[in-house]
N, C-alpha and C. Protein backbone atom coordinates (compact mmCIF):
# COMPACT_ATOMS: atom_id res chain seq x y z
N MET A 1 0.76 -1.15 0.02
CA MET A 1 -0.06 0.13 0.01
C MET A 1 0.85 1.36 -0.03
N ASP A 2 1.30 1.46 -1.24
CA ASP A 2 2.12 2.69 -1.31
C ASP A 2 1.44 4.04 -1.58
N GLU A 3 0.09 3.80 -1.85
CA GLU A 3 -0.79 5.03 -2.20
C GLU A 3 -1.09 5.75 -1.05
N LYS A 4 -0.88 6.94 -1.01
CA LYS A 4 -1.36 7.89 0.11
C LYS A 4 -2.78 8.19 -0.16
N ILE A 5 -3.34 8.68 1.03
CA ILE A 5 -4.84 9.04 0.99
C ILE A 5 -4.92 10.42 1.37
N GLY A 6 -5.73 11.20 0.77
CA GLY A 6 -5.90 12.64 1.21
C GLY A 6 -5.31 13.52 0.18
N LEU A 7 -4.77 14.64 0.90
CA LEU A 7 -4.15 15.75 0.13
C LEU A 7 -2.77 15.34 -0.57
N ASP A 8 -2.16 14.28 0.13
CA ASP A 8 -0.76 13.83 -0.39
C ASP A 8 -0.92 12.97 -1.50
N ALA A 9 -2.07 12.33 -1.88
CA ALA A 9 -2.37 11.45 -2.73
C ALA A 9 -2.19 11.86 -4.22
N TYR A 10 -1.44 11.07 -4.95
CA TYR A 10 -1.25 11.33 -6.40
C TYR A 10 -2.27 10.69 -7.22
N ARG A 11 -3.02 11.43 -8.12
CA ARG A 11 -4.03 10.98 -8.92
C ARG A 11 -3.50 10.27 -10.16
N LYS A 12 -3.88 9.21 -10.41
CA LYS A 12 -3.28 8.51 -11.78
C LYS A 12 -4.01 8.94 -12.91
N ASN A 13 -5.34 9.09 -12.95
CA ASN A 13 -6.12 9.62 -13.96
C ASN A 13 -6.45 11.04 -13.87
N LYS A 14 -5.56 11.82 -14.06
CA LYS A 14 -5.86 13.35 -13.96
C LYS A 14 -6.76 13.86 -15.00
N THR A 15 -7.70 14.74 -14.79
CA THR A 15 -8.33 15.42 -15.71
C THR A 15 -7.69 16.41 -16.27
N GLU A 16 -7.56 16.62 -17.55
CA GLU A 16 -6.89 17.79 -18.22
C GLU A 16 -7.48 19.24 -17.89
N ARG A 17 -6.96 20.16 -17.82
CA ARG A 17 -7.40 21.48 -17.53
C ARG A 17 -8.08 22.00 -18.83
N PRO A 18 -9.33 22.42 -18.88
CA PRO A 18 -9.72 23.03 -19.98
C PRO A 18 -8.90 24.33 -20.46
N PRO A 19 -8.88 24.57 -21.67
CA PRO A 19 -8.21 25.75 -22.28
C PRO A 19 -8.71 26.97 -21.67
N SER A 20 -8.01 27.92 -21.11
CA SER A 20 -8.39 29.17 -20.56
C SER A 20 -8.83 30.14 -21.69
N VAL A 21 -10.00 30.75 -21.59
CA VAL A 21 -10.35 31.61 -22.55
C VAL A 21 -10.47 33.01 -21.91
N GLU A 22 -9.94 33.92 -22.49
CA GLU A 22 -9.87 35.29 -22.14
C GLU A 22 -11.08 36.09 -22.52
N PRO A 23 -11.82 36.81 -21.59
CA PRO A 23 -13.00 37.42 -22.14
C PRO A 23 -12.71 38.66 -23.00
N ASN A 24 -13.43 38.99 -23.84
CA ASN A 24 -13.26 40.12 -24.70
C ASN A 24 -13.65 41.30 -23.95
N SER A 25 -12.70 42.20 -23.81
CA SER A 25 -13.02 43.60 -23.20
C SER A 25 -12.96 44.68 -24.22
N SER A 26 -14.06 45.53 -24.08
CA SER A 26 -14.06 46.58 -25.12
C SER A 26 -13.71 47.73 -24.27
N GLU A 27 -12.96 48.55 -25.01
CA GLU A 27 -12.36 49.95 -24.36
C GLU A 27 -13.53 50.85 -24.35
N GLU A 28 -14.26 50.95 -25.32
CA GLU A 28 -15.44 51.93 -25.51
C GLU A 28 -16.68 51.47 -24.92
N GLN A 29 -17.35 52.29 -24.31
CA GLN A 29 -18.68 51.95 -23.75
C GLN A 29 -19.60 52.13 -24.85
N GLU A 30 -20.43 51.22 -25.20
CA GLU A 30 -21.52 51.56 -26.13
C GLU A 30 -22.80 51.73 -25.41
N ARG A 31 -23.25 52.95 -25.42
CA ARG A 31 -24.56 53.31 -24.68
C ARG A 31 -25.77 53.11 -25.43
N SER A 32 -26.84 52.43 -24.84
CA SER A 32 -27.96 52.07 -25.42
C SER A 32 -29.09 53.31 -25.08
N ARG A 33 -28.84 54.05 -24.27
CA ARG A 33 -29.71 55.07 -23.99
C ARG A 33 -29.14 56.40 -24.30
N PRO A 34 -30.09 57.39 -24.53
CA PRO A 34 -29.50 58.62 -25.02
C PRO A 34 -28.80 59.36 -23.98
N GLU A 35 -27.98 60.31 -24.31
CA GLU A 35 -27.21 61.15 -23.24
C GLU A 35 -28.22 62.17 -22.52
N ARG A 36 -29.25 62.66 -23.29
CA ARG A 36 -30.09 63.47 -22.67
C ARG A 36 -31.58 63.00 -22.81
N LEU A 37 -32.04 62.67 -21.65
CA LEU A 37 -33.39 61.88 -21.67
C LEU A 37 -34.54 62.95 -21.86
N LEU A 38 -34.37 64.17 -21.14
CA LEU A 38 -35.50 64.99 -20.89
C LEU A 38 -35.56 65.93 -22.26
N VAL A 39 -34.65 65.93 -23.30
CA VAL A 39 -34.72 67.03 -24.26
C VAL A 39 -35.24 66.19 -25.47
N THR A 40 -36.35 66.86 -26.13
CA THR A 40 -36.74 66.28 -27.34
C THR A 40 -36.29 67.41 -28.34
N GLU A 41 -35.27 66.92 -29.14
CA GLU A 41 -34.63 67.88 -30.16
C GLU A 41 -35.38 68.17 -31.38
N ASN A 42 -36.36 67.20 -31.66
CA ASN A 42 -37.00 67.30 -32.92
C ASN A 42 -38.28 68.22 -32.94
N LYS A 43 -38.68 68.53 -31.75
CA LYS A 43 -39.90 69.32 -31.38
C LYS A 43 -39.65 70.34 -30.51
N LYS A 44 -40.12 71.59 -30.77
CA LYS A 44 -40.08 72.74 -29.78
C LYS A 44 -41.36 72.52 -28.81
N LEU A 45 -40.91 72.61 -27.44
CA LEU A 45 -42.03 72.64 -26.50
C LEU A 45 -42.78 73.90 -26.59
N THR A 46 -43.95 73.62 -26.34
CA THR A 46 -44.98 74.73 -26.11
C THR A 46 -45.57 74.72 -24.75
N THR A 47 -46.26 75.71 -24.35
CA THR A 47 -46.88 75.76 -23.10
C THR A 47 -47.79 74.73 -22.85
N LYS A 48 -48.43 74.16 -24.00
CA LYS A 48 -49.50 73.12 -23.92
C LYS A 48 -48.82 71.88 -23.51
N ASP A 49 -47.61 71.70 -23.85
CA ASP A 49 -46.84 70.38 -23.59
C ASP A 49 -46.22 70.48 -22.08
N LEU A 50 -46.13 71.53 -21.54
CA LEU A 50 -45.36 71.66 -20.31
C LEU A 50 -46.43 71.58 -19.18
N PRO A 51 -45.92 70.89 -17.84
CA PRO A 51 -46.84 71.05 -16.83
C PRO A 51 -47.03 72.42 -16.38
N LYS A 52 -48.23 72.69 -15.72
CA LYS A 52 -48.53 73.96 -15.37
C LYS A 52 -47.81 74.70 -14.17
N SER A 53 -47.65 73.64 -13.25
CA SER A 53 -46.79 74.12 -12.05
C SER A 53 -46.23 73.19 -11.35
N ILE A 54 -45.16 73.57 -10.53
CA ILE A 54 -44.65 72.74 -9.61
C ILE A 54 -44.39 73.37 -8.23
N ARG A 55 -44.36 72.70 -7.25
CA ARG A 55 -44.18 73.43 -5.91
C ARG A 55 -42.98 73.32 -5.40
N ILE A 56 -42.29 74.55 -5.36
CA ILE A 56 -40.97 74.74 -4.79
C ILE A 56 -40.91 75.99 -3.93
N SER A 57 -39.95 76.02 -3.02
CA SER A 57 -39.77 77.02 -2.09
C SER A 57 -39.43 78.27 -2.94
N ILE A 58 -39.68 79.52 -2.32
CA ILE A 58 -39.27 80.74 -2.87
C ILE A 58 -37.96 80.92 -3.15
N ALA A 59 -37.01 80.36 -2.22
CA ALA A 59 -35.51 80.41 -2.49
C ALA A 59 -35.24 79.73 -3.61
N THR A 60 -35.69 78.49 -3.77
CA THR A 60 -35.39 77.69 -4.94
C THR A 60 -35.73 78.36 -6.13
N HIS A 61 -36.99 78.80 -6.10
CA HIS A 61 -37.52 79.67 -7.46
C HIS A 61 -36.56 80.78 -7.71
N THR A 62 -36.22 81.55 -6.80
CA THR A 62 -35.24 82.67 -6.88
C THR A 62 -33.91 82.22 -7.59
N ALA A 63 -33.51 81.08 -7.09
CA ALA A 63 -32.11 80.55 -7.54
C ALA A 63 -32.25 80.08 -8.89
N ILE A 64 -33.31 79.44 -9.28
CA ILE A 64 -33.61 78.89 -10.64
C ILE A 64 -33.84 80.12 -11.69
N SER A 65 -34.56 81.18 -11.22
CA SER A 65 -34.63 82.41 -11.99
C SER A 65 -33.32 83.06 -12.26
N THR A 66 -32.56 83.20 -11.26
CA THR A 66 -31.31 83.83 -11.29
C THR A 66 -30.35 83.17 -12.23
N ILE A 67 -30.48 81.81 -12.19
CA ILE A 67 -29.56 80.92 -13.11
C ILE A 67 -29.98 81.15 -14.63
N ALA A 68 -31.39 81.15 -14.69
CA ALA A 68 -31.97 81.29 -15.99
C ALA A 68 -31.57 82.72 -16.63
N THR A 69 -31.52 83.67 -15.67
CA THR A 69 -31.21 84.97 -16.23
C THR A 69 -29.70 85.13 -16.70
N ILE A 70 -28.79 84.50 -15.82
CA ILE A 70 -27.51 84.53 -15.93
C ILE A 70 -27.03 83.81 -17.14
N GLU A 71 -27.69 82.53 -17.37
CA GLU A 71 -27.32 81.72 -18.55
C GLU A 71 -28.17 81.93 -19.92
N ASP A 72 -29.04 82.96 -19.70
CA ASP A 72 -29.92 83.35 -21.00
C ASP A 72 -30.64 82.02 -21.41
N MET A 73 -31.39 81.55 -20.32
CA MET A 73 -32.18 80.28 -20.68
C MET A 73 -33.64 80.44 -20.12
N LYS A 74 -34.49 79.79 -20.56
CA LYS A 74 -35.83 79.78 -19.93
C LYS A 74 -35.70 78.98 -18.59
N ILE A 75 -36.64 79.14 -17.80
CA ILE A 75 -36.73 78.54 -16.55
C ILE A 75 -36.91 77.05 -16.60
N TYR A 76 -37.82 76.65 -17.54
CA TYR A 76 -37.80 75.04 -17.77
C TYR A 76 -36.67 74.41 -18.36
N GLU A 77 -35.81 75.19 -19.17
CA GLU A 77 -34.59 74.67 -19.41
C GLU A 77 -33.44 74.49 -18.48
N VAL A 78 -33.46 75.41 -17.48
CA VAL A 78 -32.70 75.35 -16.29
C VAL A 78 -33.05 74.00 -15.53
N ILE A 79 -34.32 74.04 -15.39
CA ILE A 79 -34.70 72.79 -14.71
C ILE A 79 -34.47 71.49 -15.16
N ASN A 80 -34.62 71.32 -16.73
CA ASN A 80 -34.32 70.15 -17.37
C ASN A 80 -32.69 69.97 -17.31
N THR A 81 -31.85 70.91 -17.21
CA THR A 81 -30.35 70.80 -17.24
C THR A 81 -30.13 70.29 -15.82
N VAL A 82 -30.73 70.80 -14.80
CA VAL A 82 -30.38 70.38 -13.38
C VAL A 82 -30.84 68.77 -13.12
N VAL A 83 -32.12 68.50 -13.70
CA VAL A 83 -32.53 67.14 -13.75
C VAL A 83 -31.59 66.07 -14.36
N GLU A 84 -31.25 66.52 -15.72
CA GLU A 84 -30.33 65.88 -16.35
C GLU A 84 -28.96 65.44 -15.67
N ASN A 85 -28.37 66.53 -15.04
CA ASN A 85 -27.25 66.28 -14.29
C ASN A 85 -27.46 65.26 -13.14
N TYR A 86 -28.55 65.46 -12.55
CA TYR A 86 -28.81 64.53 -11.43
C TYR A 86 -29.01 63.20 -11.88
N ILE A 87 -29.74 63.01 -13.09
CA ILE A 87 -29.92 61.60 -13.48
C ILE A 87 -28.52 60.95 -13.97
N ASN A 88 -27.84 61.84 -14.54
CA ASN A 88 -26.41 61.25 -15.02
C ASN A 88 -25.53 60.83 -13.90
N ASP A 89 -25.70 61.42 -12.69
CA ASP A 89 -25.04 61.03 -11.58
C ASP A 89 -25.48 59.74 -10.85
N LEU A 90 -26.74 59.23 -11.13
CA LEU A 90 -27.16 58.12 -10.64
C LEU A 90 -26.69 56.76 -11.40
N PRO A 91 -26.80 55.64 -10.38
CA PRO A 91 -26.28 54.39 -10.96
C PRO A 91 -27.10 53.94 -12.25
N PRO A 92 -26.54 53.17 -13.11
CA PRO A 92 -27.18 52.63 -14.34
C PRO A 92 -28.52 52.09 -14.15
N GLN A 93 -28.69 51.38 -13.14
CA GLN A 93 -30.03 50.77 -12.91
C GLN A 93 -31.20 51.74 -12.65
N LYS A 94 -30.88 52.81 -11.88
CA LYS A 94 -31.87 53.75 -11.65
C LYS A 94 -32.01 54.70 -13.01
N GLN A 95 -31.00 54.90 -13.75
CA GLN A 95 -31.17 55.61 -14.89
C GLN A 95 -32.01 55.04 -15.86
N LYS A 96 -31.93 53.62 -15.88
CA LYS A 96 -32.64 53.03 -16.91
C LYS A 96 -34.31 52.92 -16.45
N LEU A 97 -34.59 52.96 -15.05
CA LEU A 97 -35.91 52.95 -14.55
C LEU A 97 -36.43 54.50 -14.98
N ILE A 98 -35.78 55.43 -14.83
CA ILE A 98 -36.20 56.76 -15.08
C ILE A 98 -36.33 56.88 -16.71
N LYS A 99 -35.51 56.34 -17.58
CA LYS A 99 -35.54 56.40 -18.92
C LYS A 99 -36.90 55.61 -19.33
N ASN A 100 -37.09 54.59 -18.71
CA ASN A 100 -38.27 53.66 -19.09
C ASN A 100 -39.65 54.66 -18.73
N SER A 101 -39.66 55.19 -17.60
CA SER A 101 -40.74 55.94 -17.28
C SER A 101 -41.02 57.20 -18.12
N VAL A 102 -39.78 57.91 -18.34
CA VAL A 102 -39.91 58.94 -19.32
C VAL A 102 -40.48 58.50 -20.63
N LYS A 103 -39.96 57.38 -21.11
CA LYS A 103 -40.38 56.91 -22.44
C LYS A 103 -41.84 56.51 -22.45
N SER A 104 -42.25 55.85 -21.48
CA SER A 104 -43.88 55.46 -21.34
C SER A 104 -44.70 56.79 -21.41
N VAL A 105 -44.38 57.75 -20.77
CA VAL A 105 -45.09 59.09 -20.67
C VAL A 105 -45.13 59.70 -21.90
N SER A 106 -43.93 59.69 -22.68
CA SER A 106 -43.70 60.55 -23.78
C SER A 106 -44.46 59.61 -25.03
N GLU A 107 -44.78 58.40 -24.97
CA GLU A 107 -45.51 57.68 -25.97
C GLU A 107 -46.99 57.89 -25.84
N ARG A 108 -47.56 58.43 -24.84
CA ARG A 108 -49.04 58.59 -24.60
C ARG A 108 -49.47 59.60 -25.60
């Protein structure tokens, strides 16, 4: 009984190791979602398309109005920019949820 048992044992019928396959890694990220979710570039927004009101504090309204004046933008454009920046900072899973909800509303 020269054969050892356990970790010191030598296997006579070794299974060959499968060839290692390196995964293909792409340097560029291909994005399936648009960069700007809230902007529809093919259609100019009218007041009929926009919500009538949102409830914000007077300080927030003043800040948004001031930013709009400084940047020579409309108030809704400033709000869109702020929301876009917030969405872009979210993890991809949450961005996808937001994209799907925006898409479902715009298809109505």
